[in-house]
Amino acid sequence: MQHLSISLRCCPTSYLELSIEERASIQVGQAQGMSLRHIAQLLGRAPSTISREIRRNQMAQNGYCARHAQRQREKRRVVYRPARKLSLGTERFDLIVHMLRRRLSPEQISGKFKTMKPPDLRDAYVCRGTIYTAIYALPAGHLRKELIHCLRQGGDFQPSCPNGCL
């Protein structure tokens, strides 16, 4: 039996998550009887990463399947990704747009959200960084230009949120 030598070192991932190609390589490597350490070496990953991946995504009867592992990853990712606090067209976003048009700064809006308790807006508080991010993440167009102009600096000033509240 000839072993397939797959090396994905040419495409290093900037994020630690395994790609579908790496998962497929794990599946092929296991089918060919390669050790976990050998698969890890071919992929340029730690053996513990490969072991954890197989343990987490192994199917009862069929062993490890890359497609199943990828679907499981997508399900876990959706569960743990929090919903955006400021999405275009939501009541909270419209309220912030209204306040920006009244020439309130994101800092002032954030302070007002701390004190007011709107009944329809559960967890209404948003930090200034979230407001800036929502404005600058808008697609290019009239609303984005208008909101940037409403900011007191009126330019590309986007302070970061020190508490990581984005």
C-alpha atoms as a PDB file:
ATOM      1  CA  MET A   1       0.000   0.000   0.000  1.00  0.00           C
ATOM      2  CA  GLN A   2       1.465   3.305  -1.085  1.00  0.00           C
ATOM      3  CA  HIS A   3       1.129   6.288   1.259  1.00  0.00           C
ATOM      4  CA  LEU A   4      -0.099   9.555  -0.168  1.00  0.00           C
ATOM      5  CA  SER A   5       2.184  12.352   0.908  1.00  0.00           C
ATOM      6  CA  ILE A   6       0.161  15.539   1.304  1.00  0.00           C
ATOM      7  CA  SER A   7       1.813  18.673   2.553  1.00  0.00           C
ATOM      8  CA  LEU A   8      -0.174  21.853   3.013  1.00  0.00           C
ATOM      9  CA  ARG A   9       2.685  23.918   4.424  1.00  0.00           C
ATOM     10  CA  CYS A  10       2.586  26.057   1.272  1.00  0.00           C
ATOM     11  CA  CYS A  11      -0.724  27.521   2.449  1.00  0.00           C
ATOM     12  CA  PRO A  12      -0.217  28.410   6.124  1.00  0.00           C
ATOM     13  CA  THR A  13      -3.352  29.420   7.939  1.00  0.00           C
ATOM     14  CA  SER A  14      -3.340  32.718   9.743  1.00  0.00           C
ATOM     15  CA  TYR A  15      -5.991  31.332  12.053  1.00  0.00           C
ATOM     16  CA  LEU A  16      -5.543  28.184  14.085  1.00  0.00           C
ATOM     17  CA  GLU A  17      -8.672  26.517  12.746  1.00  0.00           C
ATOM     18  CA  LEU A  18      -8.273  23.494  10.478  1.00  0.00           C
ATOM     19  CA  SER A  19      -9.313  23.964   6.854  1.00  0.00           C
ATOM     20  CA  ILE A  20     -11.472  21.524   4.899  1.00  0.00           C
ATOM     21  CA  GLU A  21      -8.333  20.502   2.961  1.00  0.00           C
ATOM     22  CA  GLU A  22      -6.528  19.661   6.194  1.00  0.00           C
ATOM     23  CA  ARG A  23      -9.539  17.676   7.391  1.00  0.00           C
ATOM     24  CA  ALA A  24      -9.567  15.753   4.103  1.00  0.00           C
ATOM     25  CA  SER A  25      -5.852  15.047   4.547  1.00  0.00           C
ATOM     26  CA  ILE A  26      -6.541  13.685   8.024  1.00  0.00           C
ATOM     27  CA  GLN A  27      -9.243  11.412   6.607  1.00  0.00           C
ATOM     28  CA  VAL A  28      -6.950  10.136   3.835  1.00  0.00           C
ATOM     29  CA  GLY A  29      -4.049   9.703   6.241  1.00  0.00           C
ATOM     30  CA  GLN A  30      -6.176   7.665   8.634  1.00  0.00           C
ATOM     31  CA  ALA A  31      -7.527   5.516   5.810  1.00  0.00           C
ATOM     32  CA  GLN A  32      -3.926   4.770   4.794  1.00  0.00           C
ATOM     33  CA  GLY A  33      -3.005   3.823   8.350  1.00  0.00           C
ATOM     34  CA  MET A  34      -0.699   6.759   9.049  1.00  0.00           C
ATOM     35  CA  SER A  35       0.051   7.627  12.643  1.00  0.00           C
ATOM     36  CA  LEU A  36      -1.332  10.831  14.141  1.00  0.00           C
ATOM     37  CA  ARG A  37       2.196  12.179  14.476  1.00  0.00           C
ATOM     38  CA  HIS A  38       2.931  11.526  10.814  1.00  0.00           C
ATOM     39  CA  ILE A  39      -0.291  13.257   9.705  1.00  0.00           C
ATOM     40  CA  ALA A  40       0.514  16.171  12.012  1.00  0.00           C
ATOM     41  CA  GLN A  41       4.006  16.443  10.559  1.00  0.00           C
ATOM     42  CA  LEU A  42       2.668  16.464   6.982  1.00  0.00           C
ATOM     43  CA  LEU A  43       0.176  19.209   7.843  1.00  0.00           C
ATOM     44  CA  GLY A  44       2.590  21.254   9.929  1.00  0.00           C
ATOM     45  CA  ARG A  45       0.319  20.941  12.961  1.00  0.00           C
ATOM     46  CA  ALA A  46       0.758  19.715  16.507  1.00  0.00           C
ATOM     47  CA  PRO A  47      -0.124  16.044  17.067  1.00  0.00           C
ATOM     48  CA  SER A  48      -2.522  17.148  19.818  1.00  0.00           C
ATOM     49  CA  THR A  49      -4.463  19.217  17.252  1.00  0.00           C
ATOM     50  CA  ILE A  50      -4.950  16.161  15.035  1.00  0.00           C
ATOM     51  CA  SER A  51      -5.854  13.968  18.003  1.00  0.00           C
ATOM     52  CA  ARG A  52      -8.403  16.511  19.279  1.00  0.00           C
ATOM     53  CA  GLU A  53      -9.908  16.906  15.807  1.00  0.00           C
ATOM     54  CA  ILE A  54     -10.396  13.163  15.399  1.00  0.00           C
ATOM     55  CA  ARG A  55     -11.739  12.691  18.936  1.00  0.00           C
ATOM     56  CA  ARG A  56     -14.161  15.625  18.595  1.00  0.00           C
ATOM     57  CA  ASN A  57     -15.524  14.677  15.175  1.00  0.00           C
ATOM     58  CA  GLN A  58     -15.316  10.890  14.976  1.00  0.00           C
ATOM     59  CA  MET A  59     -18.501   9.209  13.801  1.00  0.00           C
ATOM     60  CA  ALA A  60     -19.564   6.073  15.687  1.00  0.00           C
ATOM     61  CA  GLN A  61     -19.556   3.555  12.813  1.00  0.00           C
ATOM     62  CA  ASN A  62     -17.542   5.198  10.043  1.00  0.00           C
ATOM     63  CA  GLY A  63     -14.598   6.720  11.901  1.00  0.00           C
ATOM     64  CA  TYR A  64     -13.411  10.183  10.896  1.00  0.00           C
ATOM     65  CA  CYS A  65     -15.084  11.917   7.938  1.00  0.00           C
ATOM     66  CA  ALA A  66     -13.825  15.332   6.759  1.00  0.00           C
ATOM     67  CA  ARG A  67     -17.230  16.444   5.446  1.00  0.00           C
ATOM     68  CA  HIS A  68     -18.939  15.536   8.731  1.00  0.00           C
ATOM     69  CA  ALA A  69     -16.201  17.312  10.704  1.00  0.00           C
ATOM     70  CA  GLN A  70     -16.626  20.467   8.622  1.00  0.00           C
ATOM     71  CA  ARG A  71     -20.414  20.443   9.166  1.00  0.00           C
ATOM     72  CA  GLN A  72     -19.877  20.003  12.904  1.00  0.00           C
ATOM     73  CA  ARG A  73     -17.471  22.955  12.916  1.00  0.00           C
ATOM     74  CA  GLU A  74     -20.004  25.127  11.136  1.00  0.00           C
ATOM     75  CA  LYS A  75     -22.706  24.182  13.650  1.00  0.00           C
ATOM     76  CA  ARG A  76     -20.433  24.955  16.609  1.00  0.00           C
ATOM     77  CA  ARG A  77     -19.395  28.252  15.066  1.00  0.00           C
ATOM     78  CA  VAL A  78     -22.995  29.432  14.630  1.00  0.00           C
ATOM     79  CA  VAL A  79     -23.826  28.539  18.223  1.00  0.00           C
ATOM     80  CA  TYR A  80     -20.899  30.445  19.718  1.00  0.00           C
ATOM     81  CA  ARG A  81     -20.938  33.501  17.478  1.00  0.00           C
ATOM     82  CA  PRO A  82     -22.949  36.236  19.170  1.00  0.00           C
ATOM     83  CA  ALA A  83     -25.448  38.207  17.115  1.00  0.00           C
ATOM     84  CA  ARG A  84     -24.388  41.687  16.083  1.00  0.00           C
ATOM     85  CA  LYS A  85     -25.698  44.365  18.376  1.00  0.00           C
ATOM     86  CA  LEU A  86     -26.013  46.937  15.596  1.00  0.00           C
ATOM     87  CA  SER A  87     -27.394  45.643  12.332  1.00  0.00           C
ATOM     88  CA  LEU A  88     -28.743  47.908   9.627  1.00  0.00           C
ATOM     89  CA  GLY A  89     -32.518  48.242   9.887  1.00  0.00           C
ATOM     90  CA  THR A  90     -32.890  47.210  13.532  1.00  0.00           C
ATOM     91  CA  GLU A  91     -34.641  49.423  16.056  1.00  0.00           C
ATOM     92  CA  ARG A  92     -31.426  49.917  18.030  1.00  0.00           C
ATOM     93  CA  PHE A  93     -29.496  50.961  14.905  1.00  0.00           C
ATOM     94  CA  ASP A  94     -32.256  53.391  13.892  1.00  0.00           C
ATOM     95  CA  LEU A  95     -32.190  54.935  17.373  1.00  0.00           C
ATOM     96  CA  ILE A  96     -28.421  55.425  17.152  1.00  0.00           C
ATOM     97  CA  VAL A  97     -28.745  56.976  13.678  1.00  0.00           C
ATOM     98  CA  HIS A  98     -31.352  59.380  15.089  1.00  0.00           C
ATOM     99  CA  MET A  99     -29.037  60.331  17.961  1.00  0.00           C
ATOM    100  CA  LEU A 100     -26.074  60.821  15.607  1.00  0.00           C
ATOM    101  CA  ARG A 101     -28.193  63.100  13.438  1.00  0.00           C
ATOM    102  CA  ARG A 102     -28.934  65.126  16.562  1.00  0.00           C
ATOM    103  CA  ARG A 103     -25.135  65.612  16.776  1.00  0.00           C
ATOM    104  CA  LEU A 104     -24.519  63.331  19.762  1.00  0.00           C
ATOM    105  CA  SER A 105     -21.135  61.639  19.755  1.00  0.00           C
ATOM    106  CA  PRO A 106     -20.823  57.843  20.048  1.00  0.00           C
ATOM    107  CA  GLU A 107     -19.458  58.421  23.558  1.00  0.00           C
ATOM    108  CA  GLN A 108     -22.587  60.379  24.522  1.00  0.00           C
ATOM    109  CA  ILE A 109     -24.870  57.805  22.911  1.00  0.00           C
ATOM    110  CA  SER A 110     -23.119  55.034  24.812  1.00  0.00           C
ATOM    111  CA  GLY A 111     -23.614  56.975  28.060  1.00  0.00           C
ATOM    112  CA  LYS A 112     -27.305  57.524  27.309  1.00  0.00           C
ATOM    113  CA  PHE A 113     -27.802  53.820  26.611  1.00  0.00           C
ATOM    114  CA  LYS A 114     -26.374  53.044  30.060  1.00  0.00           C
ATOM    115  CA  THR A 115     -29.029  55.173  31.760  1.00  0.00           C
ATOM    116  CA  MET A 116     -32.108  54.591  29.586  1.00  0.00           C
ATOM    117  CA  LYS A 117     -33.956  51.294  29.691  1.00  0.00           C
ATOM    118  CA  PRO A 118     -36.005  50.937  26.489  1.00  0.00           C
ATOM    119  CA  PRO A 119     -38.541  48.119  27.036  1.00  0.00           C
ATOM    120  CA  ASP A 120     -38.271  46.728  23.503  1.00  0.00           C
ATOM    121  CA  LEU A 121     -34.482  46.669  23.370  1.00  0.00           C
ATOM    122  CA  ARG A 122     -33.123  43.822  25.468  1.00  0.00           C
ATOM    123  CA  ASP A 123     -29.463  44.381  26.405  1.00  0.00           C
ATOM    124  CA  ALA A 124     -29.600  47.830  24.847  1.00  0.00           C
ATOM    125  CA  TYR A 125     -26.160  49.029  25.943  1.00  0.00           C
ATOM    126  CA  VAL A 126     -23.517  49.349  23.234  1.00  0.00           C
ATOM    127  CA  CYS A 127     -20.054  50.784  23.736  1.00  0.00           C
ATOM    128  CA  ARG A 128     -18.670  53.617  21.636  1.00  0.00           C
ATOM    129  CA  GLY A 129     -16.388  51.235  19.748  1.00  0.00           C
ATOM    130  CA  THR A 130     -19.388  49.184  18.618  1.00  0.00           C
ATOM    131  CA  ILE A 131     -21.052  52.348  17.323  1.00  0.00           C
ATOM    132  CA  TYR A 132     -17.937  53.416  15.424  1.00  0.00           C
ATOM    133  CA  THR A 133     -17.531  49.906  13.984  1.00  0.00           C
ATOM    134  CA  ALA A 134     -21.166  49.823  12.850  1.00  0.00           C
ATOM    135  CA  ILE A 135     -20.791  53.178  11.093  1.00  0.00           C
ATOM    136  CA  TYR A 136     -17.547  52.316   9.316  1.00  0.00           C
ATOM    137  CA  ALA A 137     -18.762  48.806   8.397  1.00  0.00           C
ATOM    138  CA  LEU A 138     -21.715  50.178   6.432  1.00  0.00           C
ATOM    139  CA  PRO A 139     -21.497  49.736   2.676  1.00  0.00           C
ATOM    140  CA  ALA A 140     -20.356  52.788   0.747  1.00  0.00           C
ATOM    141  CA  GLY A 141     -23.272  55.080   0.125  1.00  0.00           C
ATOM    142  CA  HIS A 142     -25.245  58.071   1.259  1.00  0.00           C
ATOM    143  CA  LEU A 143     -26.061  56.804   4.791  1.00  0.00           C
ATOM    144  CA  ARG A 144     -22.438  55.933   5.578  1.00  0.00           C
ATOM    145  CA  LYS A 145     -21.195  59.321   4.372  1.00  0.00           C
ATOM    146  CA  GLU A 146     -23.925  61.100   6.319  1.00  0.00           C
ATOM    147  CA  LEU A 147     -23.141  59.264   9.555  1.00  0.00           C
ATOM    148  CA  ILE A 148     -19.393  59.815   9.228  1.00  0.00           C
ATOM    149  CA  HIS A 149     -20.135  63.491   8.673  1.00  0.00           C
ATOM    150  CA  CYS A 150     -22.304  63.485  11.824  1.00  0.00           C
ATOM    151  CA  LEU A 151     -19.305  62.418  13.882  1.00  0.00           C
ATOM    152  CA  ARG A 152     -17.702  65.397  15.519  1.00  0.00           C
ATOM    153  CA  GLN A 153     -14.370  64.847  13.826  1.00  0.00           C
ATOM    154  CA  GLY A 154     -16.171  64.133  10.560  1.00  0.00           C
ATOM    155  CA  GLY A 155     -13.283  62.033   9.344  1.00  0.00           C
ATOM    156  CA  ASP A 156     -11.639  58.681   9.699  1.00  0.00           C
ATOM    157  CA  PHE A 157     -11.212  58.839  13.472  1.00  0.00           C
ATOM    158  CA  GLN A 158     -12.161  55.456  14.925  1.00  0.00           C
ATOM    159  CA  PRO A 159     -11.023  54.931  18.499  1.00  0.00           C
ATOM    160  CA  SER A 160     -10.732  51.408  19.819  1.00  0.00           C
ATOM    161  CA  CYS A 161     -12.724  50.140  22.737  1.00  0.00           C
ATOM    162  CA  PRO A 162     -10.297  49.434  25.629  1.00  0.00           C
ATOM    163  CA  ASN A 163     -12.543  46.861  27.296  1.00  0.00           C
ATOM    164  CA  GLY A 164     -12.902  44.647  24.207  1.00  0.00           C
ATOM    165  CA  CYS A 165     -16.642  45.190  24.043  1.00  0.00           C
ATOM    166  CA  LEU A 166     -17.016  44.963  20.276  1.00  0.00           C
END
